Protein backbone atom coordinates (compact mmCIF):
# COMPACT_ATOMS: atom_id res chain seq x y z
CA MET A 1 0.00 0.00 0.00
CA ASN A 2 1.19 3.51 -0.79
CA CYS A 3 2.82 5.04 2.31
CA LYS A 4 1.39 8.45 1.54
CA LEU A 5 -2.10 6.94 1.37
CA VAL A 6 -1.63 5.17 4.72
CA THR A 7 -0.38 8.37 6.33
CA SER A 8 -3.27 10.41 4.92
CA THR A 9 -5.82 7.83 6.04
CA LEU A 10 -4.43 7.77 9.56
CA ALA A 11 -4.37 11.56 9.73
CA LEU A 12 -7.97 11.74 8.55
CA GLY A 13 -9.01 9.15 11.13
CA LEU A 14 -7.36 11.11 13.91
CA MET A 15 -9.05 14.32 12.77
CA LEU A 16 -12.47 12.67 12.76
CA ALA A 17 -11.93 11.06 16.14
CA ALA A 18 -10.78 14.21 17.88
CA PRO A 19 -13.39 16.73 19.13
CA ALA A 20 -13.33 20.03 17.29
CA VAL A 21 -13.20 22.02 20.53
CA ALA A 22 -12.30 20.95 24.05
CA GLN A 23 -15.37 21.50 26.22
CA GLU A 24 -15.48 22.78 29.78
CA LYS A 25 -18.37 22.29 32.19
CA PHE A 26 -20.54 25.31 32.95
CA SER A 27 -23.74 25.37 35.00
CA LEU A 28 -26.73 27.68 34.51
CA MET A 29 -29.67 27.79 36.94
CA LEU A 30 -33.00 28.95 35.57
CA ASN A 31 -35.20 31.38 37.46
CA TRP A 32 -37.99 28.80 37.45
CA LYS A 33 -38.97 25.61 35.70
CA ALA A 34 -38.20 25.79 31.98
CA GLY A 35 -40.56 28.05 30.04
CA GLY A 36 -40.90 30.06 26.85
CA ASP A 37 -38.08 32.53 27.51
CA HIS A 38 -35.69 29.58 27.95
CA ALA A 39 -36.46 28.16 24.50
CA PRO A 40 -33.37 29.80 22.92
CA LEU A 41 -31.14 27.94 25.39
CA TYR A 42 -32.66 24.58 24.56
CA TYR A 43 -32.53 25.28 20.83
CA ALA A 44 -28.84 26.17 21.06
CA LEU A 45 -28.22 22.98 23.03
CA SER A 46 -30.09 20.88 20.48
CA GLN A 47 -28.00 22.36 17.67
CA GLY A 48 -24.71 21.82 19.47
CA TRP A 49 -23.92 25.54 19.53
CA PHE A 50 -22.66 25.51 23.11
CA ASN A 51 -20.50 22.45 22.45
CA ASP A 52 -19.07 24.09 19.34
CA ALA A 53 -18.11 27.06 21.51
CA GLY A 54 -16.31 24.83 24.00
CA VAL A 55 -19.07 24.85 26.63
CA ASP A 56 -20.48 21.71 28.22
CA LEU A 57 -23.61 23.48 29.51
CA GLU A 58 -25.71 22.05 32.33
CA ILE A 59 -29.13 23.68 32.74
CA ILE A 60 -30.53 23.41 36.25
CA GLN A 61 -34.25 23.95 36.85
CA GLY A 62 -34.97 26.84 39.20
CA ASN A 63 -37.34 27.58 42.05
CA GLY A 64 -37.62 31.36 41.96
CA SER A 65 -35.23 34.28 41.48
CA GLY A 66 -34.32 34.31 45.16
CA ALA A 67 -33.22 30.68 45.07
CA ALA A 68 -31.22 31.28 41.88
CA ALA A 69 -29.52 34.35 43.37
CA THR A 70 -28.66 32.41 46.52
CA ALA A 71 -27.15 29.50 44.57
CA LEU A 72 -25.04 31.89 42.50
CA SER A 73 -23.95 33.89 45.55
CA VAL A 74 -22.49 30.80 47.23
CA ASN A 75 -20.85 29.47 44.04
CA GLN A 76 -23.18 26.50 43.60
CA VAL A 77 -23.64 27.49 39.94
CA ASP A 78 -21.67 29.48 37.39
CA MET A 79 -24.60 31.55 36.12
CA ALA A 80 -28.23 32.12 37.09
CA ILE A 81 -31.30 33.83 35.64
CA ILE A 82 -32.64 36.32 38.17
CA ASP A 83 -35.31 39.02 38.10
CA MET A 84 -33.39 42.32 38.05
CA PRO A 85 -34.88 43.89 41.22
CA THR A 86 -34.18 40.69 43.15
CA ALA A 87 -30.59 40.63 41.87
CA LEU A 88 -30.00 44.25 42.89
CA GLN A 89 -31.41 43.48 46.33
CA PHE A 90 -28.91 40.62 46.71
CA LYS A 91 -26.12 42.88 45.45
CA GLY A 92 -27.05 45.42 48.12
CA GLN A 93 -26.87 42.71 50.74
CA GLY A 94 -23.29 41.83 49.87
CA SER A 95 -23.61 39.30 47.04
CA ASP A 96 -20.83 39.55 44.44
CA ILE A 97 -23.11 39.00 41.43
CA LEU A 98 -22.71 40.58 38.02
CA GLY A 99 -25.28 40.95 35.23
CA VAL A 100 -24.04 39.85 31.81
CA PHE A 101 -27.15 39.46 29.63
CA VAL A 102 -30.65 40.95 29.67
CA ALA A 103 -33.36 38.45 28.73
CA TYR A 104 -36.44 40.63 29.37
CA ASN A 105 -35.80 44.24 28.41
CA ASP A 106 -39.32 45.05 29.58
CA SER A 107 -40.86 43.87 32.81
CA ALA A 108 -42.97 40.77 32.18
CA ASN A 109 -44.81 41.10 35.49
CA GLY A 110 -48.54 41.56 35.27
CA ILE A 111 -51.56 41.68 37.57
CA TYR A 112 -54.49 39.39 36.79
CA TRP A 113 -58.05 39.52 38.14
CA LYS A 114 -61.61 38.48 37.40
CA LYS A 115 -63.84 41.33 36.29
CA SER A 116 -66.71 39.60 38.08
CA SER A 117 -64.94 40.33 41.37
CA GLY A 118 -65.72 44.01 40.87
CA ILE A 119 -62.26 44.97 39.64
CA GLU A 120 -62.28 46.84 36.34
CA SER A 121 -58.78 48.34 36.54
CA VAL A 122 -55.81 48.46 38.91
CA ALA A 123 -57.47 51.46 40.57
CA ASP A 124 -60.09 49.05 41.95
CA LEU A 125 -57.59 46.73 43.69
CA PRO A 126 -57.92 48.35 47.16
CA GLY A 127 -60.08 46.28 49.47
CA HIS A 128 -59.38 43.04 47.58
CA LYS A 129 -57.24 39.95 48.24
CA LEU A 130 -54.09 39.42 46.17
CA GLY A 131 -52.49 35.99 46.19
CA ALA A 132 -48.86 35.05 45.60
CA PRO A 133 -45.97 33.33 47.39
CA ALA A 134 -44.14 35.58 49.86
CA SER A 135 -41.06 35.33 47.60
CA ASP A 136 -42.95 36.29 44.43
CA ALA A 137 -40.90 38.85 42.47
CA ALA A 138 -43.78 41.29 41.98
CA ARG A 139 -44.92 40.94 45.58
CA GLN A 140 -41.41 41.78 46.73
CA ILE A 141 -41.64 45.20 45.06
CA TRP A 142 -45.31 45.78 45.83
CA GLY A 143 -44.54 49.17 47.38
CA PRO A 144 -43.17 50.66 44.13
CA ILE A 145 -45.90 48.91 42.13
CA ALA A 146 -48.62 50.40 44.33
CA GLU A 147 -47.01 53.82 44.01
CA ALA A 148 -46.87 53.50 40.22
CA ILE A 149 -50.57 52.55 39.96
CA ASP A 150 -51.47 55.22 42.53
CA ILE A 151 -52.95 53.13 45.34
CA ASP A 152 -52.05 52.67 49.02
CA PRO A 153 -49.83 49.57 49.29
CA ASN A 154 -51.62 48.66 52.54
CA SER A 155 -55.05 48.83 50.93
CA VAL A 156 -54.90 45.22 49.71
CA GLU A 157 -54.65 41.97 51.65
CA TRP A 158 -51.94 39.55 50.56
CA VAL A 159 -52.69 35.83 50.77
CA ASN A 160 -49.85 33.29 50.69
CA ILE A 161 -50.37 30.64 48.01
CA GLN A 162 -48.13 28.19 46.19
CA PRO A 163 -46.65 29.35 42.85
CA THR A 164 -48.60 26.70 40.95
CA ALA A 165 -51.91 27.56 42.68
CA LYS A 166 -52.42 31.07 41.29
CA VAL A 167 -54.91 30.23 38.55
CA ALA A 168 -56.89 27.80 40.70
CA ALA A 169 -57.05 30.24 43.62
CA LEU A 170 -58.28 33.01 41.35
CA GLN A 171 -60.78 30.68 39.71
CA SER A 172 -62.20 29.52 43.05
CA GLY A 173 -62.51 33.02 44.48
CA ALA A 174 -59.99 32.37 47.26
CA ILE A 175 -58.22 35.48 45.94
CA ASP A 176 -59.40 38.39 43.81
CA ALA A 177 -56.16 39.04 41.91
CA THR A 178 -52.66 37.68 41.47
CA THR A 179 -49.34 38.51 39.84
CA HIS A 180 -47.78 36.46 37.06
CA MET A 181 -45.31 36.54 34.20
CA TYR A 182 -46.67 37.56 30.81
CA SER A 183 -45.26 34.43 29.14
CA VAL A 184 -48.18 32.43 30.62
CA HIS A 185 -50.80 35.04 29.75
CA PHE A 186 -52.52 32.62 27.38
CA ILE A 187 -53.39 30.30 30.28
CA TYR A 188 -55.40 33.06 31.94
CA GLU A 189 -57.07 33.85 28.62
CA ASP A 190 -58.06 30.21 28.14
CA VAL A 191 -59.41 29.81 31.69
CA PHE A 192 -61.18 33.14 32.24
CA GLY A 193 -62.07 34.34 28.75
CA ASP A 194 -64.02 37.60 28.74
CA ASP A 195 -63.98 37.70 32.56
CA LEU A 196 -60.23 38.27 32.58
CA GLY A 197 -58.82 41.59 33.69
CA PHE A 198 -55.12 42.29 33.24
CA ALA A 199 -52.50 45.02 33.54
CA LEU A 200 -48.88 44.73 32.40
CA LEU A 201 -46.66 46.75 34.75
CA ARG A 202 -44.61 48.22 31.93
CA ASP A 203 -47.80 49.91 30.69
CA ASN A 204 -48.64 51.22 34.15
CA GLY A 205 -45.65 53.31 35.08
CA LEU A 206 -43.19 50.67 36.29
CA ASN A 207 -40.77 49.00 33.91
CA PRO A 208 -37.61 47.65 35.54
CA TYR A 209 -35.50 45.15 33.65
CA GLY A 210 -36.98 41.67 34.01
CA LEU A 211 -35.17 38.34 33.85
CA THR A 212 -31.42 38.81 33.55
CA TYR A 213 -28.47 36.41 33.34
CA PHE A 214 -26.00 36.91 36.19
CA THR A 215 -22.64 35.40 37.02
CA ASN A 216 -20.44 36.28 39.99
CA GLY A 217 -17.05 37.88 40.42
CA THR A 218 -15.24 34.59 40.88
CA VAL A 219 -16.60 33.07 37.68
CA ALA A 220 -16.24 36.29 35.66
CA ALA A 221 -12.55 36.44 36.57
CA GLY A 222 -11.76 32.71 36.50
CA LYS A 223 -13.89 31.56 33.57
CA THR A 224 -13.89 34.71 31.47
CA GLU A 225 -13.84 33.06 28.06
CA LEU A 226 -16.50 30.53 29.06
CA VAL A 227 -18.81 33.35 30.18
CA ARG A 228 -18.15 35.17 26.93
CA SER A 229 -18.95 32.04 24.91
CA VAL A 230 -22.17 31.40 26.83
CA VAL A 231 -23.31 35.00 26.29
CA HIS A 232 -22.44 35.00 22.58
CA VAL A 233 -24.25 31.71 21.94
CA THR A 234 -27.25 32.95 23.92
CA GLN A 235 -27.34 36.15 21.87
CA LYS A 236 -27.23 34.13 18.65
CA ALA A 237 -30.00 31.84 19.92
CA PHE A 238 -32.26 34.74 20.95
CA GLU A 239 -31.77 36.34 17.54
CA PHE A 240 -32.75 33.11 15.79
CA CYS A 241 -35.73 32.29 18.02
CA LEU A 242 -37.25 35.76 17.77
CA THR A 243 -37.41 35.40 14.00
CA THR A 244 -37.89 31.61 13.72
CA PRO A 245 -39.81 30.53 16.83
CA GLU A 246 -41.15 27.12 15.77
CA PRO A 247 -37.92 25.06 16.00
CA CYS A 248 -37.11 26.79 19.29
CA SER A 249 -40.43 25.99 20.95
CA HIS A 250 -40.09 22.43 19.61
CA ALA A 251 -36.64 22.12 21.20
CA LEU A 252 -38.08 23.34 24.50
CA SER A 253 -41.05 20.96 24.46
CA SER A 254 -38.82 18.02 23.53
CA ALA A 255 -36.27 18.75 26.25
CA VAL A 256 -38.64 19.23 29.18
CA SER A 257 -41.73 17.23 28.16
CA MET A 258 -43.90 20.33 27.72
CA LYS A 259 -46.86 20.27 25.37
CA ALA A 260 -45.74 21.62 22.02
CA ALA A 261 -48.67 24.05 21.85
CA ASP A 262 -47.89 25.41 25.33
CA ALA A 263 -44.20 25.85 24.51
CA ALA A 264 -45.09 27.72 21.31
CA ARG A 265 -47.52 30.06 23.09
CA GLU A 266 -45.14 30.73 25.98
CA LEU A 267 -42.40 31.71 23.55
CA GLU A 268 -44.87 33.85 21.59
CA TYR A 269 -45.84 35.89 24.65
CA ALA A 270 -42.31 36.06 26.06
CA SER A 271 -41.15 37.46 22.72
CA LYS A 272 -43.42 40.47 23.23
CA VAL A 273 -41.36 41.70 26.18
CA ILE A 274 -37.90 40.29 25.40
CA PRO A 275 -36.73 43.00 22.94
CA GLY A 276 -38.17 45.95 24.87
CA GLU A 277 -40.22 48.75 23.35
CA GLY A 278 -37.95 51.21 21.55
CA ASN A 279 -34.77 49.36 22.52
CA THR A 280 -31.95 49.86 19.99
CA LEU A 281 -29.11 48.17 21.92
CA PRO A 282 -27.52 44.86 20.88
CA ILE A 283 -29.26 41.71 22.08
CA GLY A 284 -28.73 41.30 25.82
CA ALA A 285 -26.99 44.64 26.37
CA PHE A 286 -27.68 46.85 29.41
CA ASN A 287 -28.64 50.51 29.37
CA PRO A 288 -26.73 52.07 32.32
CA GLU A 289 -29.46 54.67 32.88
CA ARG A 290 -32.11 51.98 33.24
CA VAL A 291 -29.95 50.02 35.67
CA ALA A 292 -29.57 53.20 37.72
CA GLN A 293 -33.37 53.63 37.73
CA ASP A 294 -33.83 50.02 38.84
CA TYR A 295 -31.26 50.56 41.59
CA LYS A 296 -33.22 53.59 42.82
CA LEU A 297 -36.41 51.51 42.90
CA VAL A 298 -34.75 48.73 44.90
CA SER A 299 -32.89 51.04 47.27
CA GLU A 300 -36.18 52.74 48.17
CA ALA A 301 -38.07 49.44 48.58
CA PHE A 302 -35.50 47.45 50.59
CA GLU A 303 -32.87 47.98 53.25
CA ILE A 304 -29.64 47.54 51.32
CA THR A 305 -26.10 48.82 51.59
CA ALA A 306 -25.55 51.55 49.00
CA PHE A 307 -23.42 50.63 45.99
CA ASP A 308 -22.62 52.02 42.56
CA PRO A 309 -25.22 50.49 40.18
CA ALA A 310 -22.55 50.45 37.45
CA THR A 311 -20.87 47.61 39.39
CA ALA A 312 -23.98 45.42 39.05
CA PHE A 313 -23.56 44.72 35.33
CA THR A 314 -21.16 44.67 32.41
CA ASN A 315 -21.55 44.80 28.65
CA ASP A 316 -18.02 43.48 28.16
CA PHE A 317 -19.25 40.01 27.20
CA ILE A 318 -21.78 41.25 24.63
CA ASP A 319 -21.19 40.78 20.89
CA THR A 320 -22.33 44.21 19.69
CA SER A 321 -22.92 42.92 16.14
CA ILE A 322 -25.96 40.82 17.17
CA SER A 323 -29.11 42.91 17.09
CA TYR A 324 -32.79 42.35 17.80
CA PRO A 325 -34.92 41.73 14.72
CA LYS A 326 -36.75 44.84 13.55
CA GLN A 327 -40.22 44.95 15.08
């Protein structure tokens, strides 16, 4: 046999056997169980984009922004998705966390009620029962919310319920209103129909950043290139899924055993608040002025140690060439 042919065949075999990029483990905790806004992550995983970038990504299901912030603060995970006000509260309590990617440029928090309860608008909430877990993101900033909608924060009665019991509690009349993320808006539409009343906070005077990807100082310094790769792949995935949602919702439903129709509708509604109204920044990038406004909101609502809001985020990991699709 020709020696050159043998050598070439062996070289080709070695090239095919060797991985294109050495992969390093990296863990990401979700803010909650996987939903529509996480579809880009699962699509990128299904396409091998993270692997191609050298990232062996582990996605960990979450149990609320507070739990995700706690896990990140004590180095249990490399990155976590956290509601921005919650993250700033943790930062003000000494956590060394750092925002690297904005998922929801507009607040996805909304207030839901039944019109048959006598509530026609948020102005009618006083005297009624609102239900949510004590750790609910919107409940945590109820003071600023009440101020924005011009009601006394003490004029409503809060009832503690489980996160998964909101719709049932509202349906049964155990509560008159609740707070929820806009990505599941369709569930309320299906259950309550014409009896549904709703207000999105961004349309009622309060629009902090919503879900945001955070890392911490240790990871940012020690795994800099991994963080950069995760952010770049996530940007690319968000860009794709905002223009081509079907394969992304399919990847989500396949990965977490969610009904395909539910995954598609969750992504549809999440996509309405992900880009942000009038936002011209690259995908995932922070506006320093908005972060400063969010810091003011949090510092007035909670007892925190003052800090420079510019230290709570960085745009250094953002690929500025990746933009939101034109709306």
